[in-house]
C-alpha atoms as a PDB file:
ATOM      1  CA  UNK A   1     121.233 101.368 112.610  1.00  0.00           C
ATOM      2  CA  UNK A   2     124.952 101.456 113.108  1.00  0.00           C
ATOM      3  CA  UNK A   3     124.945  98.676 110.152  1.00  0.00           C
ATOM      4  CA  UNK A   4     122.639 100.792 107.949  1.00  0.00           C
ATOM      5  CA  UNK A   5     125.673 103.631 108.424  1.00  0.00           C
ATOM      6  CA  UNK A   6     128.605 101.505 107.238  1.00  0.00           C
ATOM      7  CA  UNK A   7     126.961 100.825 104.572  1.00  0.00           C
ATOM      8  CA  UNK A   8     128.414 104.267 103.370  1.00  0.00           C
ATOM      9  CA  UNK A   9     124.621 105.115 101.612  1.00  0.00           C
ATOM     10  CA  UNK A  10     121.657 107.242 102.661  1.00  0.00           C
ATOM     11  CA  UNK A  11     118.965 104.874 103.716  1.00  0.00           C
ATOM     12  CA  UNK A  12     115.864 105.658 105.462  1.00  0.00           C
ATOM     13  CA  UNK A  13     115.165 104.022 108.747  1.00  0.00           C
ATOM     14  CA  UNK A  14     111.636 103.057 110.005  1.00  0.00           C
ATOM     15  CA  UNK A  15     111.189 101.665 112.758  1.00  0.00           C
ATOM     16  CA  UNK A  16     108.100  99.605 113.013  1.00  0.00           C
ATOM     17  CA  UNK A  17     106.597  97.902 116.484  1.00  0.00           C
ATOM     18  CA  UNK A  18     103.439  99.568 116.227  1.00  0.00           C
ATOM     19  CA  UNK A  19     103.729 102.296 119.013  1.00  0.00           C
ATOM     20  CA  UNK A  20     103.661  99.650 122.069  1.00  0.00           C
ATOM     21  CA  UNK A  21     106.909 100.809 123.397  1.00  0.00           C
ATOM     22  CA  UNK A  22     106.463 104.603 123.091  1.00  0.00           C
ATOM     23  CA  UNK A  23     108.927 104.886 120.525  1.00  0.00           C
ATOM     24  CA  UNK A  24     108.442 108.471 120.363  1.00  0.00           C
ATOM     25  CA  UNK A  25     111.060 108.653 123.596  1.00  0.00           C
ATOM     26  CA  UNK A  26     113.613 106.816 121.899  1.00  0.00           C
ATOM     27  CA  UNK A  27     113.883 106.247 118.238  1.00  0.00           C
ATOM     28  CA  UNK A  28     115.133 109.092 117.268  1.00  0.00           C
ATOM     29  CA  UNK A  29     117.704 108.279 119.712  1.00  0.00           C
ATOM     30  CA  UNK A  30     118.160 105.108 118.404  1.00  0.00           C
ATOM     31  CA  UNK A  31     118.332 106.621 114.648  1.00  0.00           C
ATOM     32  CA  UNK A  32     115.312 105.555 113.335  1.00  0.00           C
ATOM     33  CA  UNK A  33     113.700 108.556 110.802  1.00  0.00           C
ATOM     34  CA  UNK A  34     110.575 107.799 111.196  1.00  0.00           C
ATOM     35  CA  UNK A  35     108.359 105.501 113.931  1.00  0.00           C
ATOM     36  CA  UNK A  36     104.886 103.935 113.540  1.00  0.00           C
ATOM     37  CA  UNK A  37     103.146 105.595 116.600  1.00  0.00           C
ATOM     38  CA  UNK A  38     100.141 103.161 116.307  1.00  0.00           C
ATOM     39  CA  UNK A  39      98.516 100.022 114.849  1.00  0.00           C
ATOM     40  CA  UNK A  40      97.756  99.348 111.686  1.00  0.00           C
ATOM     41  CA  UNK A  41      95.226 101.490 109.483  1.00  0.00           C
ATOM     42  CA  UNK A  42      92.356 100.246 107.492  1.00  0.00           C
ATOM     43  CA  UNK A  43      90.336 101.533 104.995  1.00  0.00           C
ATOM     44  CA  UNK A  44      87.393 102.848 106.957  1.00  0.00           C
ATOM     45  CA  UNK A  45      86.349 105.992 108.409  1.00  0.00           C
ATOM     46  CA  UNK A  46      86.550 105.487 112.471  1.00  0.00           C
ATOM     47  CA  UNK A  47      86.615 102.196 114.852  1.00  0.00           C
ATOM     48  CA  UNK A  48      89.149  99.707 116.527  1.00  0.00           C
ATOM     49  CA  UNK A  49      88.571  96.404 115.441  1.00  0.00           C
ATOM     50  CA  UNK A  50      90.505  93.434 116.164  1.00  0.00           C
ATOM     51  CA  UNK A  51      91.970  91.287 113.906  1.00  0.00           C
ATOM     52  CA  UNK A  52      90.204  87.524 112.991  1.00  0.00           C
ATOM     53  CA  UNK A  53      93.241  85.837 115.857  1.00  0.00           C
ATOM     54  CA  UNK A  54      91.931  88.078 118.481  1.00  0.00           C
ATOM     55  CA  UNK A  55      94.325  90.459 118.722  1.00  0.00           C
ATOM     56  CA  UNK A  56      94.449  94.180 118.827  1.00  0.00           C
ATOM     57  CA  UNK A  57      93.501  96.513 117.116  1.00  0.00           C
ATOM     58  CA  UNK A  58      93.096  97.883 113.462  1.00  0.00           C
ATOM     59  CA  UNK A  59      92.344 101.354 113.258  1.00  0.00           C
ATOM     60  CA  UNK A  60      89.818 103.936 111.303  1.00  0.00           C
ATOM     61  CA  UNK A  61      91.404 106.928 109.909  1.00  0.00           C
ATOM     62  CA  UNK A  62      89.928 108.913 112.678  1.00  0.00           C
ATOM     63  CA  UNK A  63      90.798 106.901 115.582  1.00  0.00           C
ATOM     64  CA  UNK A  64      94.761 107.276 114.086  1.00  0.00           C
ATOM     65  CA  UNK A  65      93.982 111.167 114.452  1.00  0.00           C
ATOM     66  CA  UNK A  66      92.922 110.848 117.963  1.00  0.00           C
ATOM     67  CA  UNK A  67      96.292 108.958 118.662  1.00  0.00           C
ATOM     68  CA  UNK A  68      98.351 111.606 117.835  1.00  0.00           C
ATOM     69  CA  UNK A  69      97.418 114.609 119.442  1.00  0.00           C
ATOM     70  CA  UNK A  70     100.343 115.303 122.420  1.00  0.00           C
ATOM     71  CA  UNK A  71     102.544 113.632 120.296  1.00  0.00           C
ATOM     72  CA  UNK A  72     103.658 116.791 117.617  1.00  0.00           C
ATOM     73  CA  UNK A  73     106.939 118.009 120.217  1.00  0.00           C
ATOM     74  CA  UNK A  74     108.494 114.568 119.317  1.00  0.00           C
ATOM     75  CA  UNK A  75     108.347 114.954 115.847  1.00  0.00           C
ATOM     76  CA  UNK A  76     111.201 117.384 113.581  1.00  0.00           C
ATOM     77  CA  UNK A  77     113.152 117.443 110.512  1.00  0.00           C
ATOM     78  CA  UNK A  78     114.488 113.943 110.508  1.00  0.00           C
ATOM     79  CA  UNK A  79     112.883 112.464 112.919  1.00  0.00           C
ATOM     80  CA  UNK A  80     108.952 111.801 112.193  1.00  0.00           C
ATOM     81  CA  UNK A  81     106.039 110.497 113.861  1.00  0.00           C
ATOM     82  CA  UNK A  82     104.470 107.805 111.352  1.00  0.00           C
ATOM     83  CA  UNK A  83     100.276 107.222 111.864  1.00  0.00           C
ATOM     84  CA  UNK A  84     100.733 104.410 108.605  1.00  0.00           C
ATOM     85  CA  UNK A  85      99.915 104.823 104.996  1.00  0.00           C
ATOM     86  CA  UNK A  86      97.508 106.003 102.868  1.00  0.00           C
ATOM     87  CA  UNK A  87      94.035 104.775 102.263  1.00  0.00           C
ATOM     88  CA  UNK A  88      93.462 107.064  99.847  1.00  0.00           C
ATOM     89  CA  UNK A  89      91.996 105.395  97.075  1.00  0.00           C
ATOM     90  CA  UNK A  90      91.545 101.809  98.352  1.00  0.00           C
ATOM     91  CA  UNK A  91      87.470 102.217  98.218  1.00  0.00           C
ATOM     92  CA  UNK A  92      86.397 102.285 101.854  1.00  0.00           C
ATOM     93  CA  UNK A  93      85.762 105.375 101.967  1.00  0.00           C
ATOM     94  CA  UNK A  94      84.220 108.467 100.270  1.00  0.00           C
ATOM     95  CA  UNK A  95      86.231 110.933  98.238  1.00  0.00           C
ATOM     96  CA  UNK A  96      85.322 113.617 100.873  1.00  0.00           C
ATOM     97  CA  UNK A  97      86.185 111.335 103.430  1.00  0.00           C
ATOM     98  CA  UNK A  98      90.100 110.827 101.586  1.00  0.00           C
ATOM     99  CA  UNK A  99      90.146 114.537 101.442  1.00  0.00           C
ATOM    100  CA  UNK A 100      90.078 114.783 104.747  1.00  0.00           C
ATOM    101  CA  UNK A 101      92.673 111.557 105.440  1.00  0.00           C
ATOM    102  CA  UNK A 102      94.971 113.483 103.068  1.00  0.00           C
ATOM    103  CA  UNK A 103      94.812 116.636 104.538  1.00  0.00           C
ATOM    104  CA  UNK A 104      95.142 115.589 107.997  1.00  0.00           C
ATOM    105  CA  UNK A 105      97.998 113.386 107.033  1.00  0.00           C
ATOM    106  CA  UNK A 106      99.744 116.747 105.698  1.00  0.00           C
ATOM    107  CA  UNK A 107      99.077 118.878 108.670  1.00  0.00           C
ATOM    108  CA  UNK A 108     100.903 115.954 110.858  1.00  0.00           C
ATOM    109  CA  UNK A 109     104.044 115.575 108.615  1.00  0.00           C
ATOM    110  CA  UNK A 110     103.056 112.575 108.611  1.00  0.00           C
ATOM    111  CA  UNK A 111     105.273 110.238 105.902  1.00  0.00           C
ATOM    112  CA  UNK A 112     102.950 110.280 103.276  1.00  0.00           C
ATOM    113  CA  UNK A 113     102.688 107.033 101.626  1.00  0.00           C
ATOM    114  CA  UNK A 114      99.895 106.083  98.917  1.00  0.00           C
ATOM    115  CA  UNK A 115      98.762 102.560  99.603  1.00  0.00           C
ATOM    116  CA  UNK A 116      96.211 102.318  97.192  1.00  0.00           C
ATOM    117  CA  UNK A 117      96.601 101.053  93.267  1.00  0.00           C
ATOM    118  CA  UNK A 118      97.929 103.490  91.334  1.00  0.00           C
ATOM    119  CA  UNK A 119      97.573 101.883  87.754  1.00  0.00           C
ATOM    120  CA  UNK A 120      93.825 101.747  88.877  1.00  0.00           C
ATOM    121  CA  UNK A 121      93.087 105.413  90.343  1.00  0.00           C
ATOM    122  CA  UNK A 122      90.053 107.666  89.472  1.00  0.00           C
ATOM    123  CA  UNK A 123      90.366 111.125  88.288  1.00  0.00           C
ATOM    124  CA  UNK A 124      89.190 112.089  91.672  1.00  0.00           C
ATOM    125  CA  UNK A 125      92.114 110.075  93.787  1.00  0.00           C
ATOM    126  CA  UNK A 126      94.618 111.066  91.793  1.00  0.00           C
ATOM    127  CA  UNK A 127      93.874 115.201  91.780  1.00  0.00           C
ATOM    128  CA  UNK A 128      93.543 114.160  95.577  1.00  0.00           C
ATOM    129  CA  UNK A 129      96.363 112.271  96.126  1.00  0.00           C
ATOM    130  CA  UNK A 130      98.523 114.930  93.870  1.00  0.00           C
ATOM    131  CA  UNK A 131      97.571 118.136  95.472  1.00  0.00           C
ATOM    132  CA  UNK A 132     100.734 120.308  95.015  1.00  0.00           C
ATOM    133  CA  UNK A 133      99.348 122.719  97.891  1.00  0.00           C
ATOM    134  CA  UNK A 134      98.709 120.285 100.310  1.00  0.00           C
ATOM    135  CA  UNK A 135     101.826 118.089  99.833  1.00  0.00           C
ATOM    136  CA  UNK A 136     103.879 121.361 100.200  1.00  0.00           C
ATOM    137  CA  UNK A 137     102.537 121.748 103.712  1.00  0.00           C
ATOM    138  CA  UNK A 138     103.367 118.178 104.580  1.00  0.00           C
ATOM    139  CA  UNK A 139     106.385 118.686 103.678  1.00  0.00           C
ATOM    140  CA  UNK A 140     107.100 122.185 104.477  1.00  0.00           C
ATOM    141  CA  UNK A 141     110.689 123.138 105.660  1.00  0.00           C
ATOM    142  CA  UNK A 142     109.789 124.321 108.907  1.00  0.00           C
ATOM    143  CA  UNK A 143     109.093 120.461 109.964  1.00  0.00           C
ATOM    144  CA  UNK A 144     106.646 121.170 112.821  1.00  0.00           C
ATOM    145  CA  UNK A 145     103.962 119.126 113.200  1.00  0.00           C
ATOM    146  CA  UNK A 146     100.613 120.238 113.406  1.00  0.00           C
ATOM    147  CA  UNK A 147      98.067 120.498 116.299  1.00  0.00           C
ATOM    148  CA  UNK A 148      94.270 120.466 117.235  1.00  0.00           C
ATOM    149  CA  UNK A 149      93.738 123.884 118.595  1.00  0.00           C
ATOM    150  CA  UNK A 150      89.888 124.069 118.974  1.00  0.00           C
ATOM    151  CA  UNK A 151      87.625 121.002 119.613  1.00  0.00           C
ATOM    152  CA  UNK A 152      83.520 121.320 120.418  1.00  0.00           C
ATOM    153  CA  UNK A 153      81.584 117.919 119.959  1.00  0.00           C
ATOM    154  CA  UNK A 154      81.965 116.814 115.902  1.00  0.00           C
ATOM    155  CA  UNK A 155      84.108 119.980 114.963  1.00  0.00           C
ATOM    156  CA  UNK A 156      87.729 120.338 115.165  1.00  0.00           C
ATOM    157  CA  UNK A 157      89.865 122.982 114.119  1.00  0.00           C
ATOM    158  CA  UNK A 158      94.047 122.104 113.224  1.00  0.00           C
ATOM    159  CA  UNK A 159      96.970 124.839 113.149  1.00  0.00           C
ATOM    160  CA  UNK A 160     100.118 124.025 111.945  1.00  0.00           C
ATOM    161  CA  UNK A 161     103.291 126.793 111.712  1.00  0.00           C
ATOM    162  CA  UNK A 162     104.886 127.133 108.274  1.00  0.00           C
ATOM    163  CA  UNK A 163     107.950 128.310 107.542  1.00  0.00           C
ATOM    164  CA  UNK A 164     106.968 131.637 106.219  1.00  0.00           C
ATOM    165  CA  UNK A 165     105.098 132.932 109.454  1.00  0.00           C
ATOM    166  CA  UNK A 166     101.954 131.831 107.808  1.00  0.00           C
ATOM    167  CA  UNK A 167      99.497 128.952 109.638  1.00  0.00           C
ATOM    168  CA  UNK A 168      98.171 125.602 107.536  1.00  0.00           C
ATOM    169  CA  UNK A 169      94.892 125.485 109.351  1.00  0.00           C
ATOM    170  CA  UNK A 170      92.193 122.541 109.070  1.00  0.00           C
ATOM    171  CA  UNK A 171      88.614 122.454 109.897  1.00  0.00           C
ATOM    172  CA  UNK A 172      87.769 119.085 110.132  1.00  0.00           C
ATOM    173  CA  UNK A 173      84.087 118.108 110.756  1.00  0.00           C
ATOM    174  CA  UNK A 174      83.090 114.541 112.273  1.00  0.00           C
ATOM    175  CA  UNK A 175      79.459 115.030 112.480  1.00  0.00           C
ATOM    176  CA  UNK A 176      77.133 113.824 110.294  1.00  0.00           C
ATOM    177  CA  UNK A 177      75.614 116.677 108.798  1.00  0.00           C
ATOM    178  CA  UNK A 178      77.274 120.550 107.102  1.00  0.00           C
ATOM    179  CA  UNK A 179      78.431 122.377 109.671  1.00  0.00           C
ATOM    180  CA  UNK A 180      80.029 125.745 110.283  1.00  0.00           C
ATOM    181  CA  UNK A 181      83.613 126.052 111.802  1.00  0.00           C
ATOM    182  CA  UNK A 182      85.409 129.215 112.950  1.00  0.00           C
ATOM    183  CA  UNK A 183      88.956 129.382 113.614  1.00  0.00           C
ATOM    184  CA  UNK A 184      90.282 132.267 115.501  1.00  0.00           C
ATOM    185  CA  UNK A 185      93.205 134.335 115.378  1.00  0.00           C
ATOM    186  CA  UNK A 186      93.850 133.857 118.902  1.00  0.00           C
ATOM    187  CA  UNK A 187      94.251 129.907 118.657  1.00  0.00           C
ATOM    188  CA  UNK A 188      96.501 130.819 115.541  1.00  0.00           C
ATOM    189  CA  UNK A 189      99.016 132.716 118.340  1.00  0.00           C
ATOM    190  CA  UNK A 190      98.121 135.642 116.222  1.00  0.00           C
ATOM    191  CA  UNK A 191      96.625 139.087 117.371  1.00  0.00           C
ATOM    192  CA  UNK A 192      92.172 139.358 117.293  1.00  0.00           C
ATOM    193  CA  UNK A 193      93.412 142.673 115.337  1.00  0.00           C
ATOM    194  CA  UNK A 194      95.933 141.486 112.404  1.00  0.00           C
ATOM    195  CA  UNK A 195      94.373 141.223 108.748  1.00  0.00           C
ATOM    196  CA  UNK A 196      95.418 138.141 106.943  1.00  0.00           C
ATOM    197  CA  UNK A 197      94.935 136.701 103.753  1.00  0.00           C
ATOM    198  CA  UNK A 198      93.148 133.607 103.542  1.00  0.00           C
ATOM    199  CA  UNK A 199      93.768 130.690 100.753  1.00  0.00           C
ATOM    200  CA  UNK A 200      91.410 127.283  99.897  1.00  0.00           C
ATOM    201  CA  UNK A 201      94.198 124.703  99.561  1.00  0.00           C
ATOM    202  CA  UNK A 202      91.893 122.305  97.655  1.00  0.00           C
ATOM    203  CA  UNK A 203      89.628 124.983  95.660  1.00  0.00           C
ATOM    204  CA  UNK A 204      92.605 126.585  94.851  1.00  0.00           C
ATOM    205  CA  UNK A 205      91.406 129.878  95.497  1.00  0.00           C
ATOM    206  CA  UNK A 206      92.190 133.354  97.429  1.00  0.00           C
ATOM    207  CA  UNK A 207      89.238 133.701  99.337  1.00  0.00           C
ATOM    208  CA  UNK A 208      90.152 137.491 100.724  1.00  0.00           C
ATOM    209  CA  UNK A 209      91.568 139.571 103.866  1.00  0.00           C
ATOM    210  CA  UNK A 210      90.071 138.831 107.188  1.00  0.00           C
ATOM    211  CA  UNK A 211      90.441 139.832 110.316  1.00  0.00           C
ATOM    212  CA  UNK A 212      90.048 138.001 113.523  1.00  0.00           C
ATOM    213  CA  UNK A 213      88.793 134.968 112.576  1.00  0.00           C
ATOM    214  CA  UNK A 214      87.638 132.561 109.437  1.00  0.00           C
ATOM    215  CA  UNK A 215      84.297 130.895 109.408  1.00  0.00           C
ATOM    216  CA  UNK A 216      83.605 127.877 106.816  1.00  0.00           C
ATOM    217  CA  UNK A 217      80.839 125.485 105.753  1.00  0.00           C
ATOM    218  CA  UNK A 218      82.674 122.230 106.063  1.00  0.00           C
ATOM    219  CA  UNK A 219      80.504 118.583 104.779  1.00  0.00           C
ATOM    220  CA  UNK A 220      79.800 116.360 106.713  1.00  0.00           C
ATOM    221  CA  UNK A 221      82.932 114.162 107.396  1.00  0.00           C
ATOM    222  CA  UNK A 222      84.757 116.527 105.315  1.00  0.00           C
ATOM    223  CA  UNK A 223      87.464 119.494 105.900  1.00  0.00           C
ATOM    224  CA  UNK A 224      87.962 123.161 104.384  1.00  0.00           C
ATOM    225  CA  UNK A 225      92.164 123.164 104.409  1.00  0.00           C
ATOM    226  CA  UNK A 226      93.723 127.270 104.202  1.00  0.00           C
ATOM    227  CA  UNK A 227      96.173 129.066 104.795  1.00  0.00           C
ATOM    228  CA  UNK A 228      96.547 131.851 106.848  1.00  0.00           C
ATOM    229  CA  UNK A 229      98.894 134.247 106.488  1.00  0.00           C
ATOM    230  CA  UNK A 230      99.421 137.966 107.772  1.00  0.00           C
END
């Protein structure tokens, strides 16, 4: 860090020791701008697997997400938890799963580093990686990492405060079948009587005004990502 400062140029300092020594506790004080929180990601939905040399472990996307729970207080402007690069477009997951991957990384205020071959993207993958509304949540000026605010079996709700007082919300279905997921205003730290405008960030569509809660059907391994603005 001292050497980078002496260079006289602005340089992002990324610390990677795979989360082995809890870098979220010390990396910011050491000048780190971001630090890896886990072992390496691999292009699959879930499952931790040992590497060919027997060392542990590569992580599926869901396993990376689970390891972020509880780390949100250590991230903020200029110093970020890094759950590893994006696997969007590498072929190991479905497009539905890639939308979940991209949405959850945005909720985590994660560095969005494309890990695919940009010369060979399908239109569907390009659409995921260039969704300006989702990227805006990741890059929100408040810089507050999202948290999992509700979980019932395979059904989860993630929430992240946005600088204008609204909330970004991801309804995430880990299960094998489509299922409705509900977010209540209390889970977002809003009074239940508030009326709020809901916008779907993947459909790019305003869904109307809702009071107290919002429910949507969520596909298997998929997400519904919305903003909730009182």
